[in-house]
Amino acid sequence: MSESTTVEDPLRGWDPRCRAALERLQRRFQQAGGDRVSLADDLVAGRRLEAAAEDRESSGE
């Protein structure tokens, strides 16, 4: 991405309290070693593992 390209703020329009809470959570995740993966990617990966386990349970495996 070039420096002249502006990135839209993905949290624009959020309730200020919710935005502040999410920003704190993102900072804590990064401080805990999350600089190697994004918080969103980590949450999605975790949910996919849970969904796969649920699928195995429902299929009787």
PDB file of N, CA and C in Angstrom:
ATOM      1  N   MET A   1       0.852  -1.175   0.000  1.00  0.00           N
ATOM      2  CA  MET A   1       0.000   0.000   0.000  1.00  0.00           C
ATOM      3  C   MET A   1       0.895   1.234   0.000  1.00  0.00           C
ATOM      4  N   SER A   2       0.598   2.174  -0.840  1.00  0.00           N
ATOM      5  CA  SER A   2       1.422   3.371  -0.905  1.00  0.00           C
ATOM      6  C   SER A   2       1.087   4.307   0.241  1.00  0.00           C
ATOM      7  N   GLU A   3       2.051   5.179   0.549  1.00  0.00           N
ATOM      8  CA  GLU A   3       1.836   6.126   1.638  1.00  0.00           C
ATOM      9  C   GLU A   3       0.758   7.139   1.309  1.00  0.00           C
ATOM     10  N   SER A   4       0.503   7.357   0.033  1.00  0.00           N
ATOM     11  CA  SER A   4      -0.502   8.343  -0.350  1.00  0.00           C
ATOM     12  C   SER A   4      -1.920   7.796  -0.176  1.00  0.00           C
ATOM     13  N   THR A   5      -2.030   6.483  -0.018  1.00  0.00           N
ATOM     14  CA  THR A   5      -3.344   5.876   0.176  1.00  0.00           C
ATOM     15  C   THR A   5      -3.764   6.026   1.626  1.00  0.00           C
ATOM     16  N   THR A   6      -4.957   6.502   1.841  1.00  0.00           N
ATOM     17  CA  THR A   6      -5.453   6.624   3.203  1.00  0.00           C
ATOM     18  C   THR A   6      -6.272   5.397   3.540  1.00  0.00           C
ATOM     19  N   VAL A   7      -6.107   4.929   4.752  1.00  0.00           N
ATOM     20  CA  VAL A   7      -6.848   3.769   5.226  1.00  0.00           C
ATOM     21  C   VAL A   7      -8.044   4.286   6.015  1.00  0.00           C
ATOM     22  N   GLU A   8      -9.209   3.815   5.638  1.00  0.00           N
ATOM     23  CA  GLU A   8     -10.414   4.234   6.343  1.00  0.00           C
ATOM     24  C   GLU A   8     -10.396   3.664   7.751  1.00  0.00           C
ATOM     25  N   ASP A   9     -10.828   4.443   8.714  1.00  0.00           N
ATOM     26  CA  ASP A   9     -10.901   4.009  10.100  1.00  0.00           C
ATOM     27  C   ASP A   9     -12.023   2.983  10.224  1.00  0.00           C
ATOM     28  N   PRO A  10     -11.695   1.711  10.508  1.00  0.00           N
ATOM     29  CA  PRO A  10     -12.743   0.682  10.575  1.00  0.00           C
ATOM     30  C   PRO A  10     -13.690   0.864  11.758  1.00  0.00           C
ATOM     31  N   LEU A  11     -13.299   1.675  12.734  1.00  0.00           N
ATOM     32  CA  LEU A  11     -14.147   1.885  13.902  1.00  0.00           C
ATOM     33  C   LEU A  11     -14.896   3.218  13.849  1.00  0.00           C
ATOM     34  N   ARG A  12     -14.800   3.890  12.718  1.00  0.00           N
ATOM     35  CA  ARG A  12     -15.486   5.176  12.573  1.00  0.00           C
ATOM     36  C   ARG A  12     -16.982   4.978  12.807  1.00  0.00           C
ATOM     37  N   GLY A  13     -17.560   5.832  13.621  1.00  0.00           N
ATOM     38  CA  GLY A  13     -18.985   5.777  13.883  1.00  0.00           C
ATOM     39  C   GLY A  13     -19.366   4.886  15.061  1.00  0.00           C
ATOM     40  N   TRP A  14     -18.409   4.175  15.647  1.00  0.00           N
ATOM     41  CA  TRP A  14     -18.707   3.334  16.801  1.00  0.00           C
ATOM     42  C   TRP A  14     -18.975   4.194  18.017  1.00  0.00           C
ATOM     43  N   ASP A  15     -19.738   3.667  18.941  1.00  0.00           N
ATOM     44  CA  ASP A  15     -19.943   4.305  20.231  1.00  0.00           C
ATOM     45  C   ASP A  15     -18.562   4.498  20.865  1.00  0.00           C
ATOM     46  N   PRO A  16     -18.256   5.697  21.359  1.00  0.00           N
ATOM     47  CA  PRO A  16     -16.917   5.960  21.904  1.00  0.00           C
ATOM     48  C   PRO A  16     -16.509   4.998  23.020  1.00  0.00           C
ATOM     49  N   ARG A  17     -17.452   4.567  23.848  1.00  0.00           N
ATOM     50  CA  ARG A  17     -17.106   3.630  24.927  1.00  0.00           C
ATOM     51  C   ARG A  17     -16.718   2.269  24.364  1.00  0.00           C
ATOM     52  N   CYS A  18     -17.466   1.797  23.370  1.00  0.00           N
ATOM     53  CA  CYS A  18     -17.151   0.507  22.751  1.00  0.00           C
ATOM     54  C   CYS A  18     -15.821   0.583  22.021  1.00  0.00           C
ATOM     55  N   ARG A  19     -15.609   1.678  21.333  1.00  0.00           N
ATOM     56  CA  ARG A  19     -14.356   1.865  20.596  1.00  0.00           C
ATOM     57  C   ARG A  19     -13.167   1.864  21.548  1.00  0.00           C
ATOM     58  N   ALA A  20     -13.282   2.590  22.646  1.00  0.00           N
ATOM     59  CA  ALA A  20     -12.189   2.651  23.621  1.00  0.00           C
ATOM     60  C   ALA A  20     -11.916   1.276  24.212  1.00  0.00           C
ATOM     61  N   ALA A  21     -12.969   0.520  24.506  1.00  0.00           N
ATOM     62  CA  ALA A  21     -12.790  -0.822  25.067  1.00  0.00           C
ATOM     63  C   ALA A  21     -12.091  -1.738  24.068  1.00  0.00           C
ATOM     64  N   LEU A  22     -12.486  -1.679  22.810  1.00  0.00           N
ATOM     65  CA  LEU A  22     -11.862  -2.513  21.792  1.00  0.00           C
ATOM     66  C   LEU A  22     -10.400  -2.118  21.584  1.00  0.00           C
ATOM     67  N   GLU A  23     -10.124  -0.835  21.586  1.00  0.00           N
ATOM     68  CA  GLU A  23      -8.745  -0.384  21.423  1.00  0.00           C
ATOM     69  C   GLU A  23      -7.874  -0.851  22.588  1.00  0.00           C
ATOM     70  N   ARG A  24      -8.418  -0.838  23.819  1.00  0.00           N
ATOM     71  CA  ARG A  24      -7.660  -1.346  24.971  1.00  0.00           C
ATOM     72  C   ARG A  24      -7.394  -2.837  24.819  1.00  0.00           C
ATOM     73  N   LEU A  25      -8.394  -3.567  24.387  1.00  0.00           N
ATOM     74  CA  LEU A  25      -8.250  -5.006  24.184  1.00  0.00           C
ATOM     75  C   LEU A  25      -7.189  -5.299  23.121  1.00  0.00           C
ATOM     76  N   GLN A  26      -7.214  -4.541  22.035  1.00  0.00           N
ATOM     77  CA  GLN A  26      -6.220  -4.738  20.980  1.00  0.00           C
ATOM     78  C   GLN A  26      -4.810  -4.453  21.489  1.00  0.00           C
ATOM     79  N   ARG A  27      -4.654  -3.397  22.291  1.00  0.00           N
ATOM     80  CA  ARG A  27      -3.324  -3.071  22.846  1.00  0.00           C
ATOM     81  C   ARG A  27      -2.836  -4.184  23.770  1.00  0.00           C
ATOM     82  N   ARG A  28      -3.724  -4.696  24.627  1.00  0.00           N
ATOM     83  CA  ARG A  28      -3.329  -5.771  25.547  1.00  0.00           C
ATOM     84  C   ARG A  28      -2.952  -7.032  24.784  1.00  0.00           C
ATOM     85  N   PHE A  29      -3.698  -7.352  23.750  1.00  0.00           N
ATOM     86  CA  PHE A  29      -3.394  -8.526  22.932  1.00  0.00           C
ATOM     87  C   PHE A  29      -2.014  -8.371  22.299  1.00  0.00           C
ATOM     88  N   GLN A  30      -1.734  -7.190  21.765  1.00  0.00           N
ATOM     89  CA  GLN A  30      -0.438  -6.951  21.137  1.00  0.00           C
ATOM     90  C   GLN A  30       0.683  -7.039  22.161  1.00  0.00           C
ATOM     91  N   GLN A  31       0.469  -6.489  23.350  1.00  0.00           N
ATOM     92  CA  GLN A  31       1.494  -6.544  24.393  1.00  0.00           C
ATOM     93  C   GLN A  31       1.753  -7.976  24.845  1.00  0.00           C
ATOM     94  N   ALA A  32       0.768  -8.837  24.739  1.00  0.00           N
ATOM     95  CA  ALA A  32       0.907 -10.234  25.157  1.00  0.00           C
ATOM     96  C   ALA A  32       1.520 -11.098  24.066  1.00  0.00           C
ATOM     97  N   GLY A  33       2.011 -10.491  23.022  1.00  0.00           N
ATOM     98  CA  GLY A  33       2.659 -11.249  21.963  1.00  0.00           C
ATOM     99  C   GLY A  33       1.842 -11.325  20.699  1.00  0.00           C
ATOM    100  N   GLY A  34       0.792 -10.574  20.630  1.00  0.00           N
ATOM    101  CA  GLY A  34      -0.077 -10.596  19.467  1.00  0.00           C
ATOM    102  C   GLY A  34       0.455  -9.852  18.269  1.00  0.00           C
ATOM    103  N   ASP A  35       1.706  -9.387  18.344  1.00  0.00           N
ATOM    104  CA  ASP A  35       2.267  -8.683  17.191  1.00  0.00           C
ATOM    105  C   ASP A  35       2.578  -9.653  16.056  1.00  0.00           C
ATOM    106  N   ARG A  36       2.503 -10.951  16.349  1.00  0.00           N
ATOM    107  CA  ARG A  36       2.751 -11.951  15.311  1.00  0.00           C
ATOM    108  C   ARG A  36       1.473 -12.365  14.592  1.00  0.00           C
ATOM    109  N   VAL A  37       0.329 -12.008  15.124  1.00  0.00           N
ATOM    110  CA  VAL A  37      -0.968 -12.344  14.520  1.00  0.00           C
ATOM    111  C   VAL A  37      -1.959 -11.264  14.931  1.00  0.00           C
ATOM    112  N   SER A  38      -2.949 -11.030  14.101  1.00  0.00           N
ATOM    113  CA  SER A  38      -3.928 -10.005  14.468  1.00  0.00           C
ATOM    114  C   SER A  38      -4.957 -10.610  15.416  1.00  0.00           C
ATOM    115  N   LEU A  39      -5.542  -9.780  16.234  1.00  0.00           N
ATOM    116  CA  LEU A  39      -6.572 -10.229  17.161  1.00  0.00           C
ATOM    117  C   LEU A  39      -7.735 -10.848  16.405  1.00  0.00           C
ATOM    118  N   ALA A  40      -8.155 -10.226  15.319  1.00  0.00           N
ATOM    119  CA  ALA A  40      -9.272 -10.755  14.537  1.00  0.00           C
ATOM    120  C   ALA A  40      -8.938 -12.135  13.978  1.00  0.00           C
ATOM    121  N   ASP A  41      -7.728 -12.296  13.425  1.00  0.00           N
ATOM    122  CA  ASP A  41      -7.325 -13.598  12.881  1.00  0.00           C
ATOM    123  C   ASP A  41      -7.306 -14.655  13.973  1.00  0.00           C
ATOM    124  N   ASP A  42      -6.821 -14.287  15.157  1.00  0.00           N
ATOM    125  CA  ASP A  42      -6.757 -15.230  16.266  1.00  0.00           C
ATOM    126  C   ASP A  42      -8.159 -15.641  16.713  1.00  0.00           C
ATOM    127  N   LEU A  43      -9.075 -14.690  16.796  1.00  0.00           N
ATOM    128  CA  LEU A  43     -10.448 -14.997  17.200  1.00  0.00           C
ATOM    129  C   LEU A  43     -11.148 -15.866  16.162  1.00  0.00           C
ATOM    130  N   VAL A  44     -10.941 -15.566  14.897  1.00  0.00           N
ATOM    131  CA  VAL A  44     -11.556 -16.362  13.830  1.00  0.00           C
ATOM    132  C   VAL A  44     -11.004 -17.784  13.851  1.00  0.00           C
ATOM    133  N   ALA A  45      -9.694 -17.932  14.018  1.00  0.00           N
ATOM    134  CA  ALA A  45      -9.088 -19.264  14.056  1.00  0.00           C
ATOM    135  C   ALA A  45      -9.637 -20.070  15.231  1.00  0.00           C
ATOM    136  N   GLY A  46      -9.782 -19.423  16.373  1.00  0.00           N
ATOM    137  CA  GLY A  46     -10.342 -20.108  17.537  1.00  0.00           C
ATOM    138  C   GLY A  46     -11.773 -20.547  17.299  1.00  0.00           C
ATOM    139  N   ARG A  47     -12.546 -19.686  16.688  1.00  0.00           N
ATOM    140  CA  ARG A  47     -13.950 -20.030  16.413  1.00  0.00           C
ATOM    141  C   ARG A  47     -14.049 -21.160  15.405  1.00  0.00           C
ATOM    142  N   ARG A  48     -13.164 -21.179  14.426  1.00  0.00           N
ATOM    143  CA  ARG A  48     -13.166 -22.271  13.441  1.00  0.00           C
ATOM    144  C   ARG A  48     -12.870 -23.603  14.115  1.00  0.00           C
ATOM    145  N   LEU A  49     -11.924 -23.613  15.066  1.00  0.00           N
ATOM    146  CA  LEU A  49     -11.630 -24.838  15.798  1.00  0.00           C
ATOM    147  C   LEU A  49     -12.851 -25.301  16.592  1.00  0.00           C
ATOM    148  N   GLU A  50     -13.529 -24.356  17.245  1.00  0.00           N
ATOM    149  CA  GLU A  50     -14.739 -24.691  18.004  1.00  0.00           C
ATOM    150  C   GLU A  50     -15.815 -25.245  17.082  1.00  0.00           C
ATOM    151  N   ALA A  51     -16.006 -24.620  15.933  1.00  0.00           N
ATOM    152  CA  ALA A  51     -17.029 -25.065  14.988  1.00  0.00           C
ATOM    153  C   ALA A  51     -16.716 -26.462  14.463  1.00  0.00           C
ATOM    154  N   ALA A  52     -15.439 -26.732  14.197  1.00  0.00           N
ATOM    155  CA  ALA A  52     -15.056 -28.058  13.714  1.00  0.00           C
ATOM    156  C   ALA A  52     -15.346 -29.110  14.783  1.00  0.00           C
ATOM    157  N   ALA A  53     -15.056 -28.785  16.044  1.00  0.00           N
ATOM    158  CA  ALA A  53     -15.341 -29.714  17.140  1.00  0.00           C
ATOM    159  C   ALA A  53     -16.845 -29.945  17.274  1.00  0.00           C
ATOM    160  N   GLU A  54     -17.632 -28.885  17.148  1.00  0.00           N
ATOM    161  CA  GLU A  54     -19.092 -29.015  17.207  1.00  0.00           C
ATOM    162  C   GLU A  54     -19.604 -29.884  16.065  1.00  0.00           C
ATOM    163  N   ASP A  55     -19.041 -29.712  14.873  1.00  0.00           N
ATOM    164  CA  ASP A  55     -19.440 -30.515  13.721  1.00  0.00           C
ATOM    165  C   ASP A  55     -19.129 -31.988  13.956  1.00  0.00           C
ATOM    166  N   ARG A  56     -17.956 -32.256  14.539  1.00  0.00           N
ATOM    167  CA  ARG A  56     -17.595 -33.660  14.808  1.00  0.00           C
ATOM    168  C   ARG A  56     -18.553 -34.267  15.828  1.00  0.00           C
ATOM    169  N   GLU A  57     -18.908 -33.492  16.855  1.00  0.00           N
ATOM    170  CA  GLU A  57     -19.850 -33.978  17.874  1.00  0.00           C
ATOM    171  C   GLU A  57     -21.208 -34.283  17.265  1.00  0.00           C
ATOM    172  N   SER A  58     -21.699 -33.387  16.424  1.00  0.00           N
ATOM    173  CA  SER A  58     -23.036 -33.567  15.857  1.00  0.00           C
ATOM    174  C   SER A  58     -23.079 -34.684  14.826  1.00  0.00           C
ATOM    175  N   SER A  59     -21.926 -35.019  14.243  1.00  0.00           N
ATOM    176  CA  SER A  59     -21.908 -36.101  13.255  1.00  0.00           C
ATOM    177  C   SER A  59     -21.634 -37.457  13.905  1.00  0.00           C
ATOM    178  N   GLY A  60     -21.405 -37.444  15.233  1.00  0.00           N
ATOM    179  CA  GLY A  60     -21.209 -38.679  15.961  1.00  0.00           C
ATOM    180  C   GLY A  60     -19.807 -39.228  15.905  1.00  0.00           C
ATOM    181  N   GLU A  61     -18.862 -38.447  15.494  1.00  0.00           N
ATOM    182  CA  GLU A  61     -17.469 -38.931  15.420  1.00  0.00           C
ATOM    183  C   GLU A  61     -16.826 -38.894  16.778  1.00  0.00           C
TER     184      GLU A  61
END
